[in-house]
mmCIF file of all heavy atoms, coordinates in Angstrom:
data_MODEL
# 
_entry.id   MODEL 
# 
loop_
_atom_site.group_PDB 
_atom_site.id 
_atom_site.type_symbol 
_atom_site.label_atom_id 
_atom_site.label_alt_id 
_atom_site.label_comp_id 
_atom_site.label_asym_id 
_atom_site.label_entity_id 
_atom_site.label_seq_id 
_atom_site.pdbx_PDB_ins_code 
_atom_site.Cartn_x 
_atom_site.Cartn_y 
_atom_site.Cartn_z 
_atom_site.occupancy 
_atom_site.B_iso_or_equiv 
_atom_site.pdbx_formal_charge 
_atom_site.auth_seq_id 
_atom_site.auth_comp_id 
_atom_site.auth_asym_id 
_atom_site.auth_atom_id 
_atom_site.pdbx_PDB_model_num 
ATOM 1   N N   . THR A 1 1  ? 125.511 149.578 114.544 1.00 0.00 ? 1  THR A N   1 
ATOM 2   C CA  . THR A 1 1  ? 125.603 150.869 115.221 1.00 0.00 ? 1  THR A CA  1 
ATOM 3   C C   . THR A 1 1  ? 124.236 151.304 115.729 1.00 0.00 ? 1  THR A C   1 
ATOM 4   O O   . THR A 1 1  ? 123.263 151.271 114.982 1.00 0.00 ? 1  THR A O   1 
ATOM 5   C CB  . THR A 1 1  ? 126.180 151.924 114.246 1.00 0.00 ? 1  THR A CB  1 
ATOM 6   O OG1 . THR A 1 1  ? 127.494 151.496 113.861 1.00 0.00 ? 1  THR A OG1 1 
ATOM 7   C CG2 . THR A 1 1  ? 126.243 153.288 114.868 1.00 0.00 ? 1  THR A CG2 1 
ATOM 8   N N   . PRO A 1 2  ? 124.162 151.708 116.998 1.00 0.00 ? 2  PRO A N   1 
ATOM 9   C CA  . PRO A 1 2  ? 122.890 152.197 117.532 1.00 0.00 ? 2  PRO A CA  1 
ATOM 10  C C   . PRO A 1 2  ? 122.360 153.387 116.722 1.00 0.00 ? 2  PRO A C   1 
ATOM 11  O O   . PRO A 1 2  ? 123.134 154.235 116.247 1.00 0.00 ? 2  PRO A O   1 
ATOM 12  C CB  . PRO A 1 2  ? 123.239 152.623 118.965 1.00 0.00 ? 2  PRO A CB  1 
ATOM 13  C CG  . PRO A 1 2  ? 124.450 151.818 119.317 1.00 0.00 ? 2  PRO A CG  1 
ATOM 14  C CD  . PRO A 1 2  ? 125.214 151.686 118.017 1.00 0.00 ? 2  PRO A CD  1 
ATOM 15  N N   . ALA A 1 3  ? 121.043 153.473 116.585 1.00 0.00 ? 3  ALA A N   1 
ATOM 16  C CA  . ALA A 1 3  ? 120.393 154.503 115.773 1.00 0.00 ? 3  ALA A CA  1 
ATOM 17  C C   . ALA A 1 3  ? 120.787 155.917 116.196 1.00 0.00 ? 3  ALA A C   1 
ATOM 18  O O   . ALA A 1 3  ? 120.983 156.787 115.341 1.00 0.00 ? 3  ALA A O   1 
ATOM 19  C CB  . ALA A 1 3  ? 118.877 154.337 115.826 1.00 0.00 ? 3  ALA A CB  1 
ATOM 20  N N   . GLU A 1 4  ? 120.942 156.139 117.494 1.00 0.00 ? 4  GLU A N   1 
ATOM 21  C CA  . GLU A 1 4  ? 121.265 157.500 117.949 1.00 0.00 ? 4  GLU A CA  1 
ATOM 22  C C   . GLU A 1 4  ? 122.661 157.946 117.494 1.00 0.00 ? 4  GLU A C   1 
ATOM 23  O O   . GLU A 1 4  ? 122.889 159.121 117.258 1.00 0.00 ? 4  GLU A O   1 
ATOM 24  C CB  . GLU A 1 4  ? 121.106 157.642 119.469 1.00 0.00 ? 4  GLU A CB  1 
ATOM 25  C CG  . GLU A 1 4  ? 121.983 156.740 120.312 1.00 0.00 ? 4  GLU A CG  1 
ATOM 26  C CD  . GLU A 1 4  ? 121.387 155.370 120.614 1.00 0.00 ? 4  GLU A CD  1 
ATOM 27  O OE1 . GLU A 1 4  ? 120.376 154.977 119.992 1.00 0.00 ? 4  GLU A OE1 1 
ATOM 28  O OE2 . GLU A 1 4  ? 121.967 154.677 121.467 1.00 0.00 ? 4  GLU A OE2 1 
ATOM 29  N N   . ILE A 1 5  ? 123.587 157.007 117.340 1.00 0.00 ? 5  ILE A N   1 
ATOM 30  C CA  . ILE A 1 5  ? 124.926 157.339 116.830 1.00 0.00 ? 5  ILE A CA  1 
ATOM 31  C C   . ILE A 1 5  ? 124.876 157.516 115.316 1.00 0.00 ? 5  ILE A C   1 
ATOM 32  O O   . ILE A 1 5  ? 125.425 158.462 114.760 1.00 0.00 ? 5  ILE A O   1 
ATOM 33  C CB  . ILE A 1 5  ? 125.950 156.252 117.223 1.00 0.00 ? 5  ILE A CB  1 
ATOM 34  C CG1 . ILE A 1 5  ? 126.139 156.252 118.742 1.00 0.00 ? 5  ILE A CG1 1 
ATOM 35  C CG2 . ILE A 1 5  ? 127.283 156.462 116.504 1.00 0.00 ? 5  ILE A CG2 1 
ATOM 36  C CD1 . ILE A 1 5  ? 126.966 155.105 119.265 1.00 0.00 ? 5  ILE A CD1 1 
ATOM 37  N N   . ARG A 1 6  ? 124.167 156.606 114.664 1.00 0.00 ? 6  ARG A N   1 
ATOM 38  C CA  . ARG A 1 6  ? 124.069 156.676 113.198 1.00 0.00 ? 6  ARG A CA  1 
ATOM 39  C C   . ARG A 1 6  ? 123.375 157.957 112.760 1.00 0.00 ? 6  ARG A C   1 
ATOM 40  O O   . ARG A 1 6  ? 123.744 158.579 111.759 1.00 0.00 ? 6  ARG A O   1 
ATOM 41  C CB  . ARG A 1 6  ? 123.341 155.424 112.668 1.00 0.00 ? 6  ARG A CB  1 
ATOM 42  C CG  . ARG A 1 6  ? 123.279 155.347 111.171 1.00 0.00 ? 6  ARG A CG  1 
ATOM 43  C CD  . ARG A 1 6  ? 124.681 155.295 110.557 1.00 0.00 ? 6  ARG A CD  1 
ATOM 44  N NE  . ARG A 1 6  ? 124.653 155.600 109.147 1.00 0.00 ? 6  ARG A NE  1 
ATOM 45  C CZ  . ARG A 1 6  ? 124.892 156.796 108.622 1.00 0.00 ? 6  ARG A CZ  1 
ATOM 46  N NH1 . ARG A 1 6  ? 125.175 157.838 109.396 1.00 0.00 ? 6  ARG A NH1 1 
ATOM 47  N NH2 . ARG A 1 6  ? 124.852 156.984 107.323 1.00 0.00 ? 6  ARG A NH2 1 
ATOM 48  N N   . LYS A 1 7  ? 122.368 158.384 113.520 1.00 0.00 ? 7  LYS A N   1 
ATOM 49  C CA  . LYS A 1 7  ? 121.620 159.600 113.213 1.00 0.00 ? 7  LYS A CA  1 
ATOM 50  C C   . LYS A 1 7  ? 122.534 160.830 113.201 1.00 0.00 ? 7  LYS A C   1 
ATOM 51  O O   . LYS A 1 7  ? 122.294 161.789 112.479 1.00 0.00 ? 7  LYS A O   1 
ATOM 52  C CB  . LYS A 1 7  ? 120.513 159.773 114.259 1.00 0.00 ? 7  LYS A CB  1 
ATOM 53  C CG  . LYS A 1 7  ? 119.537 160.862 113.999 1.00 0.00 ? 7  LYS A CG  1 
ATOM 54  C CD  . LYS A 1 7  ? 118.455 160.820 115.062 1.00 0.00 ? 7  LYS A CD  1 
ATOM 55  C CE  . LYS A 1 7  ? 117.443 161.925 114.867 1.00 0.00 ? 7  LYS A CE  1 
ATOM 56  N NZ  . LYS A 1 7  ? 116.423 161.898 115.908 1.00 0.00 ? 7  LYS A NZ  1 
ATOM 57  N N   . LEU A 1 8  ? 123.612 160.775 113.977 1.00 0.00 ? 8  LEU A N   1 
ATOM 58  C CA  . LEU A 1 8  ? 124.574 161.875 114.048 1.00 0.00 ? 8  LEU A CA  1 
ATOM 59  C C   . LEU A 1 8  ? 125.689 161.747 113.001 1.00 0.00 ? 8  LEU A C   1 
ATOM 60  O O   . LEU A 1 8  ? 126.615 162.547 112.974 1.00 0.00 ? 8  LEU A O   1 
ATOM 61  C CB  . LEU A 1 8  ? 125.179 161.954 115.451 1.00 0.00 ? 8  LEU A CB  1 
ATOM 62  C CG  . LEU A 1 8  ? 124.182 162.273 116.565 1.00 0.00 ? 8  LEU A CG  1 
ATOM 63  C CD1 . LEU A 1 8  ? 124.826 162.113 117.932 1.00 0.00 ? 8  LEU A CD1 1 
ATOM 64  C CD2 . LEU A 1 8  ? 123.604 163.675 116.383 1.00 0.00 ? 8  LEU A CD2 1 
ATOM 65  N N   . GLY A 1 9  ? 125.602 160.710 112.156 1.00 0.00 ? 9  GLY A N   1 
ATOM 66  C CA  . GLY A 1 9  ? 126.574 160.535 111.071 1.00 0.00 ? 9  GLY A CA  1 
ATOM 67  C C   . GLY A 1 9  ? 127.695 159.558 111.370 1.00 0.00 ? 9  GLY A C   1 
ATOM 68  O O   . GLY A 1 9  ? 128.551 159.327 110.532 1.00 0.00 ? 9  GLY A O   1 
ATOM 69  N N   . GLY A 1 10 ? 127.682 158.970 112.552 1.00 0.00 ? 10 GLY A N   1 
ATOM 70  C CA  . GLY A 1 10 ? 128.755 158.062 112.931 1.00 0.00 ? 10 GLY A CA  1 
ATOM 71  C C   . GLY A 1 10 ? 128.399 156.599 112.765 1.00 0.00 ? 10 GLY A C   1 
ATOM 72  O O   . GLY A 1 10 ? 127.251 156.242 112.526 1.00 0.00 ? 10 GLY A O   1 
ATOM 73  N N   . ALA A 1 11 ? 129.419 155.778 112.877 1.00 0.00 ? 11 ALA A N   1 
ATOM 74  C CA  . ALA A 1 11 ? 129.264 154.321 112.871 1.00 0.00 ? 11 ALA A CA  1 
ATOM 75  C C   . ALA A 1 11 ? 130.381 153.744 113.735 1.00 0.00 ? 11 ALA A C   1 
ATOM 76  O O   . ALA A 1 11 ? 131.454 154.350 113.875 1.00 0.00 ? 11 ALA A O   1 
ATOM 77  C CB  . ALA A 1 11 ? 129.327 153.765 111.455 1.00 0.00 ? 11 ALA A CB  1 
ATOM 78  N N   . LEU A 1 12 ? 130.123 152.576 114.320 1.00 0.00 ? 12 LEU A N   1 
ATOM 79  C CA  . LEU A 1 12 ? 131.069 151.957 115.239 1.00 0.00 ? 12 LEU A CA  1 
ATOM 80  C C   . LEU A 1 12 ? 131.827 150.806 114.590 1.00 0.00 ? 12 LEU A C   1 
ATOM 81  O O   . LEU A 1 12 ? 131.298 150.120 113.718 1.00 0.00 ? 12 LEU A O   1 
ATOM 82  C CB  . LEU A 1 12 ? 130.340 151.429 116.471 1.00 0.00 ? 12 LEU A CB  1 
ATOM 83  C CG  . LEU A 1 12 ? 129.578 152.446 117.306 1.00 0.00 ? 12 LEU A CG  1 
ATOM 84  C CD1 . LEU A 1 12 ? 128.891 151.759 118.488 1.00 0.00 ? 12 LEU A CD1 1 
ATOM 85  C CD2 . LEU A 1 12 ? 130.485 153.565 117.784 1.00 0.00 ? 12 LEU A CD2 1 
ATOM 86  N N   . TYR A 1 13 ? 133.036 150.622 115.054 1.00 0.00 ? 13 TYR A N   1 
ATOM 87  C CA  . TYR A 1 13 ? 133.846 149.472 114.651 1.00 0.00 ? 13 TYR A CA  1 
ATOM 88  C C   . TYR A 1 13 ? 134.574 148.961 115.886 1.00 0.00 ? 13 TYR A C   1 
ATOM 89  O O   . TYR A 1 13 ? 134.679 149.659 116.904 1.00 0.00 ? 13 TYR A O   1 
ATOM 90  C CB  . TYR A 1 13 ? 134.842 149.845 113.542 1.00 0.00 ? 13 TYR A CB  1 
ATOM 91  C CG  . TYR A 1 13 ? 135.932 150.788 113.993 1.00 0.00 ? 13 TYR A CG  1 
ATOM 92  C CD1 . TYR A 1 13 ? 137.143 150.285 114.490 1.00 0.00 ? 13 TYR A CD1 1 
ATOM 93  C CD2 . TYR A 1 13 ? 135.756 152.170 113.926 1.00 0.00 ? 13 TYR A CD2 1 
ATOM 94  C CE1 . TYR A 1 13 ? 138.139 151.154 114.913 1.00 0.00 ? 13 TYR A CE1 1 
ATOM 95  C CE2 . TYR A 1 13 ? 136.745 153.024 114.337 1.00 0.00 ? 13 TYR A CE2 1 
ATOM 96  C CZ  . TYR A 1 13 ? 137.943 152.521 114.835 1.00 0.00 ? 13 TYR A CZ  1 
ATOM 97  O OH  . TYR A 1 13 ? 138.926 153.373 115.254 1.00 0.00 ? 13 TYR A OH  1 
ATOM 98  N N   . CYS A 1 14 ? 135.081 147.738 115.801 1.00 0.00 ? 14 CYS A N   1 
ATOM 99  C CA  . CYS A 1 14 ? 135.839 147.134 116.901 1.00 0.00 ? 14 CYS A CA  1 
ATOM 100 C C   . CYS A 1 14 ? 137.117 146.504 116.375 1.00 0.00 ? 14 CYS A C   1 
ATOM 101 O O   . CYS A 1 14 ? 137.214 146.147 115.198 1.00 0.00 ? 14 CYS A O   1 
ATOM 102 C CB  . CYS A 1 14 ? 135.024 146.034 117.590 1.00 0.00 ? 14 CYS A CB  1 
ATOM 103 S SG  . CYS A 1 14 ? 133.637 146.623 118.555 1.00 0.00 ? 14 CYS A SG  1 
ATOM 104 N N   . CYS A 1 15 ? 138.084 146.367 117.280 1.00 0.00 ? 15 CYS A N   1 
ATOM 105 C CA  . CYS A 1 15 ? 139.323 145.666 116.974 1.00 0.00 ? 15 CYS A CA  1 
ATOM 106 C C   . CYS A 1 15 ? 139.941 145.181 118.287 1.00 0.00 ? 15 CYS A C   1 
ATOM 107 O O   . CYS A 1 15 ? 139.465 145.531 119.370 1.00 0.00 ? 15 CYS A O   1 
ATOM 108 C CB  . CYS A 1 15 ? 140.299 146.566 116.220 1.00 0.00 ? 15 CYS A CB  1 
ATOM 109 S SG  . CYS A 1 15 ? 140.829 148.028 117.139 1.00 0.00 ? 15 CYS A SG  1 
ATOM 110 N N   . HIS A 1 16 ? 140.961 144.354 118.176 1.00 0.00 ? 16 HIS A N   1 
ATOM 111 C CA  . HIS A 1 16 ? 141.661 143.822 119.346 1.00 0.00 ? 16 HIS A CA  1 
ATOM 112 C C   . HIS A 1 16 ? 143.120 144.246 119.260 1.00 0.00 ? 16 HIS A C   1 
ATOM 113 O O   . HIS A 1 16 ? 143.846 143.822 118.367 1.00 0.00 ? 16 HIS A O   1 
ATOM 114 C CB  . HIS A 1 16 ? 141.544 142.291 119.353 1.00 0.00 ? 16 HIS A CB  1 
ATOM 115 C CG  . HIS A 1 16 ? 142.051 141.668 120.603 1.00 0.00 ? 16 HIS A CG  1 
ATOM 116 N ND1 . HIS A 1 16 ? 143.388 141.479 120.855 1.00 0.00 ? 16 HIS A ND1 1 
ATOM 117 C CD2 . HIS A 1 16 ? 141.393 141.177 121.683 1.00 0.00 ? 16 HIS A CD2 1 
ATOM 118 C CE1 . HIS A 1 16 ? 143.529 140.898 122.025 1.00 0.00 ? 16 HIS A CE1 1 
ATOM 119 N NE2 . HIS A 1 16 ? 142.341 140.707 122.546 1.00 0.00 ? 16 HIS A NE2 1 
ATOM 120 N N   . ARG A 1 17 ? 143.545 145.109 120.179 1.00 0.00 ? 17 ARG A N   1 
ATOM 121 C CA  . ARG A 1 17 ? 144.920 145.590 120.213 1.00 0.00 ? 17 ARG A CA  1 
ATOM 122 C C   . ARG A 1 17 ? 145.400 145.627 121.659 1.00 0.00 ? 17 ARG A C   1 
ATOM 123 O O   . ARG A 1 17 ? 144.603 145.838 122.578 1.00 0.00 ? 17 ARG A O   1 
ATOM 124 C CB  . ARG A 1 17 ? 145.046 147.012 119.648 1.00 0.00 ? 17 ARG A CB  1 
ATOM 125 C CG  . ARG A 1 17 ? 144.500 147.206 118.240 1.00 0.00 ? 17 ARG A CG  1 
ATOM 126 C CD  . ARG A 1 17 ? 145.421 146.656 117.155 1.00 0.00 ? 17 ARG A CD  1 
ATOM 127 N NE  . ARG A 1 17 ? 145.055 147.135 115.848 1.00 0.00 ? 17 ARG A NE  1 
ATOM 128 C CZ  . ARG A 1 17 ? 144.062 146.645 115.106 1.00 0.00 ? 17 ARG A CZ  1 
ATOM 129 N NH1 . ARG A 1 17 ? 143.332 145.647 115.537 1.00 0.00 ? 17 ARG A NH1 1 
ATOM 130 N NH2 . ARG A 1 17 ? 143.802 147.138 113.912 1.00 0.00 ? 17 ARG A NH2 1 
ATOM 131 N N   . TYR A 1 18 ? 146.691 145.445 121.830 1.00 0.00 ? 18 TYR A N   1 
ATOM 132 C CA  . TYR A 1 18 ? 147.317 145.604 123.139 1.00 0.00 ? 18 TYR A CA  1 
ATOM 133 C C   . TYR A 1 18 ? 146.649 144.758 124.228 1.00 0.00 ? 18 TYR A C   1 
ATOM 134 O O   . TYR A 1 18 ? 146.544 145.163 125.378 1.00 0.00 ? 18 TYR A O   1 
ATOM 135 C CB  . TYR A 1 18 ? 147.330 147.080 123.567 1.00 0.00 ? 18 TYR A CB  1 
ATOM 136 C CG  . TYR A 1 18 ? 147.834 147.986 122.487 1.00 0.00 ? 18 TYR A CG  1 
ATOM 137 C CD1 . TYR A 1 18 ? 146.968 148.844 121.819 1.00 0.00 ? 18 TYR A CD1 1 
ATOM 138 C CD2 . TYR A 1 18 ? 149.174 147.957 122.097 1.00 0.00 ? 18 TYR A CD2 1 
ATOM 139 C CE1 . TYR A 1 18 ? 147.421 149.676 120.806 1.00 0.00 ? 18 TYR A CE1 1 
ATOM 140 C CE2 . TYR A 1 18 ? 149.641 148.778 121.080 1.00 0.00 ? 18 TYR A CE2 1 
ATOM 141 C CZ  . TYR A 1 18 ? 148.760 149.631 120.440 1.00 0.00 ? 18 TYR A CZ  1 
ATOM 142 O OH  . TYR A 1 18 ? 149.216 150.441 119.444 1.00 0.00 ? 18 TYR A OH  1 
ATOM 143 N N   . GLY A 1 19 ? 146.150 143.587 123.830 1.00 0.00 ? 19 GLY A N   1 
ATOM 144 C CA  . GLY A 1 19 ? 145.548 142.675 124.791 1.00 0.00 ? 19 GLY A CA  1 
ATOM 145 C C   . GLY A 1 19 ? 144.144 143.035 125.238 1.00 0.00 ? 19 GLY A C   1 
ATOM 146 O O   . GLY A 1 19 ? 143.642 142.484 126.219 1.00 0.00 ? 19 GLY A O   1 
ATOM 147 N N   . ARG A 1 20 ? 143.476 143.925 124.500 1.00 0.00 ? 20 ARG A N   1 
ATOM 148 C CA  . ARG A 1 20 ? 142.099 144.272 124.858 1.00 0.00 ? 20 ARG A CA  1 
ATOM 149 C C   . ARG A 1 20 ? 141.279 144.623 123.619 1.00 0.00 ? 20 ARG A C   1 
ATOM 150 O O   . ARG A 1 20 ? 141.822 144.851 122.548 1.00 0.00 ? 20 ARG A O   1 
ATOM 151 C CB  . ARG A 1 20 ? 142.060 145.407 125.869 1.00 0.00 ? 20 ARG A CB  1 
ATOM 152 C CG  . ARG A 1 20 ? 142.652 146.714 125.367 1.00 0.00 ? 20 ARG A CG  1 
ATOM 153 C CD  . ARG A 1 20 ? 142.487 147.841 126.331 1.00 0.00 ? 20 ARG A CD  1 
ATOM 154 N NE  . ARG A 1 20 ? 141.070 148.135 126.445 1.00 0.00 ? 20 ARG A NE  1 
ATOM 155 C CZ  . ARG A 1 20 ? 140.567 148.993 127.301 1.00 0.00 ? 20 ARG A CZ  1 
ATOM 156 N NH1 . ARG A 1 20 ? 141.331 149.644 128.123 1.00 0.00 ? 20 ARG A NH1 1 
ATOM 157 N NH2 . ARG A 1 20 ? 139.264 149.212 127.343 1.00 0.00 ? 20 ARG A NH2 1 
ATOM 158 N N   . VAL A 1 21 ? 139.983 144.686 123.806 1.00 0.00 ? 21 VAL A N   1 
ATOM 159 C CA  . VAL A 1 21 ? 139.067 145.012 122.717 1.00 0.00 ? 21 VAL A CA  1 
ATOM 160 C C   . VAL A 1 21 ? 138.737 146.495 122.776 1.00 0.00 ? 21 VAL A C   1 
ATOM 161 O O   . VAL A 1 21 ? 138.455 147.036 123.844 1.00 0.00 ? 21 VAL A O   1 
ATOM 162 C CB  . VAL A 1 21 ? 137.762 144.185 122.813 1.00 0.00 ? 21 VAL A CB  1 
ATOM 163 C CG1 . VAL A 1 21 ? 136.798 144.544 121.694 1.00 0.00 ? 21 VAL A CG1 1 
ATOM 164 C CG2 . VAL A 1 21 ? 138.071 142.703 122.785 1.00 0.00 ? 21 VAL A CG2 1 
ATOM 165 N N   . PHE A 1 22 ? 138.781 147.137 121.611 1.00 0.00 ? 22 PHE A N   1 
ATOM 166 C CA  . PHE A 1 22 ? 138.455 148.549 121.511 1.00 0.00 ? 22 PHE A CA  1 
ATOM 167 C C   . PHE A 1 22 ? 137.217 148.732 120.647 1.00 0.00 ? 22 PHE A C   1 
ATOM 168 O O   . PHE A 1 22 ? 137.030 148.034 119.656 1.00 0.00 ? 22 PHE A O   1 
ATOM 169 C CB  . PHE A 1 22 ? 139.605 149.333 120.867 1.00 0.00 ? 22 PHE A CB  1 
ATOM 170 C CG  . PHE A 1 22 ? 140.805 149.472 121.751 1.00 0.00 ? 22 PHE A CG  1 
ATOM 171 C CD1 . PHE A 1 22 ? 141.809 148.517 121.720 1.00 0.00 ? 22 PHE A CD1 1 
ATOM 172 C CD2 . PHE A 1 22 ? 140.925 150.547 122.618 1.00 0.00 ? 22 PHE A CD2 1 
ATOM 173 C CE1 . PHE A 1 22 ? 142.925 148.642 122.530 1.00 0.00 ? 22 PHE A CE1 1 
ATOM 174 C CE2 . PHE A 1 22 ? 142.030 150.672 123.437 1.00 0.00 ? 22 PHE A CE2 1 
ATOM 175 C CZ  . PHE A 1 22 ? 143.037 149.719 123.398 1.00 0.00 ? 22 PHE A CZ  1 
ATOM 176 N N   . VAL A 1 23 ? 136.397 149.694 121.037 1.00 0.00 ? 23 VAL A N   1 
ATOM 177 C CA  . VAL A 1 23 ? 135.273 150.143 120.227 1.00 0.00 ? 23 VAL A CA  1 
ATOM 178 C C   . VAL A 1 23 ? 135.612 151.562 119.807 1.00 0.00 ? 23 VAL A C   1 
ATOM 179 O O   . VAL A 1 23 ? 135.947 152.398 120.650 1.00 0.00 ? 23 VAL A O   1 
ATOM 180 C CB  . VAL A 1 23 ? 133.948 150.137 121.020 1.00 0.00 ? 23 VAL A CB  1 
ATOM 181 C CG1 . VAL A 1 23 ? 132.809 150.668 120.160 1.00 0.00 ? 23 VAL A CG1 1 
ATOM 182 C CG2 . VAL A 1 23 ? 133.634 148.749 121.541 1.00 0.00 ? 23 VAL A CG2 1 
ATOM 183 N N   . GLY A 1 24 ? 135.561 151.800 118.505 1.00 0.00 ? 24 GLY A N   1 
ATOM 184 C CA  . GLY A 1 24 ? 135.860 153.125 117.986 1.00 0.00 ? 24 GLY A CA  1 
ATOM 185 C C   . GLY A 1 24 ? 134.737 153.626 117.108 1.00 0.00 ? 24 GLY A C   1 
ATOM 186 O O   . GLY A 1 24 ? 133.773 152.903 116.828 1.00 0.00 ? 24 GLY A O   1 
ATOM 187 N N   . SER A 1 25 ? 134.873 154.865 116.668 1.00 0.00 ? 25 SER A N   1 
ATOM 188 C CA  . SER A 1 25 ? 133.860 155.427 115.772 1.00 0.00 ? 25 SER A CA  1 
ATOM 189 C C   . SER A 1 25 ? 134.545 156.138 114.617 1.00 0.00 ? 25 SER A C   1 
ATOM 190 O O   . SER A 1 25 ? 135.680 156.592 114.727 1.00 0.00 ? 25 SER A O   1 
ATOM 191 C CB  . SER A 1 25 ? 132.963 156.401 116.525 1.00 0.00 ? 25 SER A CB  1 
ATOM 192 O OG  . SER A 1 25 ? 133.717 157.526 116.951 1.00 0.00 ? 25 SER A OG  1 
ATOM 193 N N   . ASN A 1 26 ? 133.847 156.186 113.518 1.00 0.00 ? 26 ASN A N   1 
ATOM 194 C CA  . ASN A 1 26 ? 134.246 156.924 112.323 1.00 0.00 ? 26 ASN A CA  1 
ATOM 195 C C   . ASN A 1 26 ? 132.986 157.513 111.727 1.00 0.00 ? 26 ASN A C   1 
ATOM 196 O O   . ASN A 1 26 ? 131.878 157.091 112.079 1.00 0.00 ? 26 ASN A O   1 
ATOM 197 C CB  . ASN A 1 26 ? 134.841 156.006 111.253 1.00 0.00 ? 26 ASN A CB  1 
ATOM 198 C CG  . ASN A 1 26 ? 136.337 155.837 111.356 1.00 0.00 ? 26 ASN A CG  1 
ATOM 199 O OD1 . ASN A 1 26 ? 136.811 154.722 111.439 1.00 0.00 ? 26 ASN A OD1 1 
ATOM 200 N ND2 . ASN A 1 26 ? 137.086 156.917 111.335 1.00 0.00 ? 26 ASN A ND2 1 
ATOM 201 N N   . GLY A 1 27 ? 133.179 158.405 110.779 1.00 0.00 ? 27 GLY A N   1 
ATOM 202 C CA  . GLY A 1 27 ? 132.034 158.809 109.978 1.00 0.00 ? 27 GLY A CA  1 
ATOM 203 C C   . GLY A 1 27 ? 131.571 157.586 109.202 1.00 0.00 ? 27 GLY A C   1 
ATOM 204 O O   . GLY A 1 27 ? 132.398 156.793 108.735 1.00 0.00 ? 27 GLY A O   1 
ATOM 205 N N   . ALA A 1 28 ? 130.295 157.390 109.091 1.00 0.00 ? 28 ALA A N   1 
ATOM 206 C CA  . ALA A 1 28 ? 129.751 156.196 108.431 1.00 0.00 ? 28 ALA A CA  1 
ATOM 207 C C   . ALA A 1 28 ? 130.172 156.088 106.974 1.00 0.00 ? 28 ALA A C   1 
ATOM 208 O O   . ALA A 1 28 ? 130.191 154.998 106.404 1.00 0.00 ? 28 ALA A O   1 
ATOM 209 C CB  . ALA A 1 28 ? 128.228 156.183 108.536 1.00 0.00 ? 28 ALA A CB  1 
# 
């Protein structure tokens, strides 16, 4: 996760659904 997102309390995750790749966020 990029520092600017992590600094705000978030973190990124990815998955593959519906024939495409998604990037999502959650609280870290």
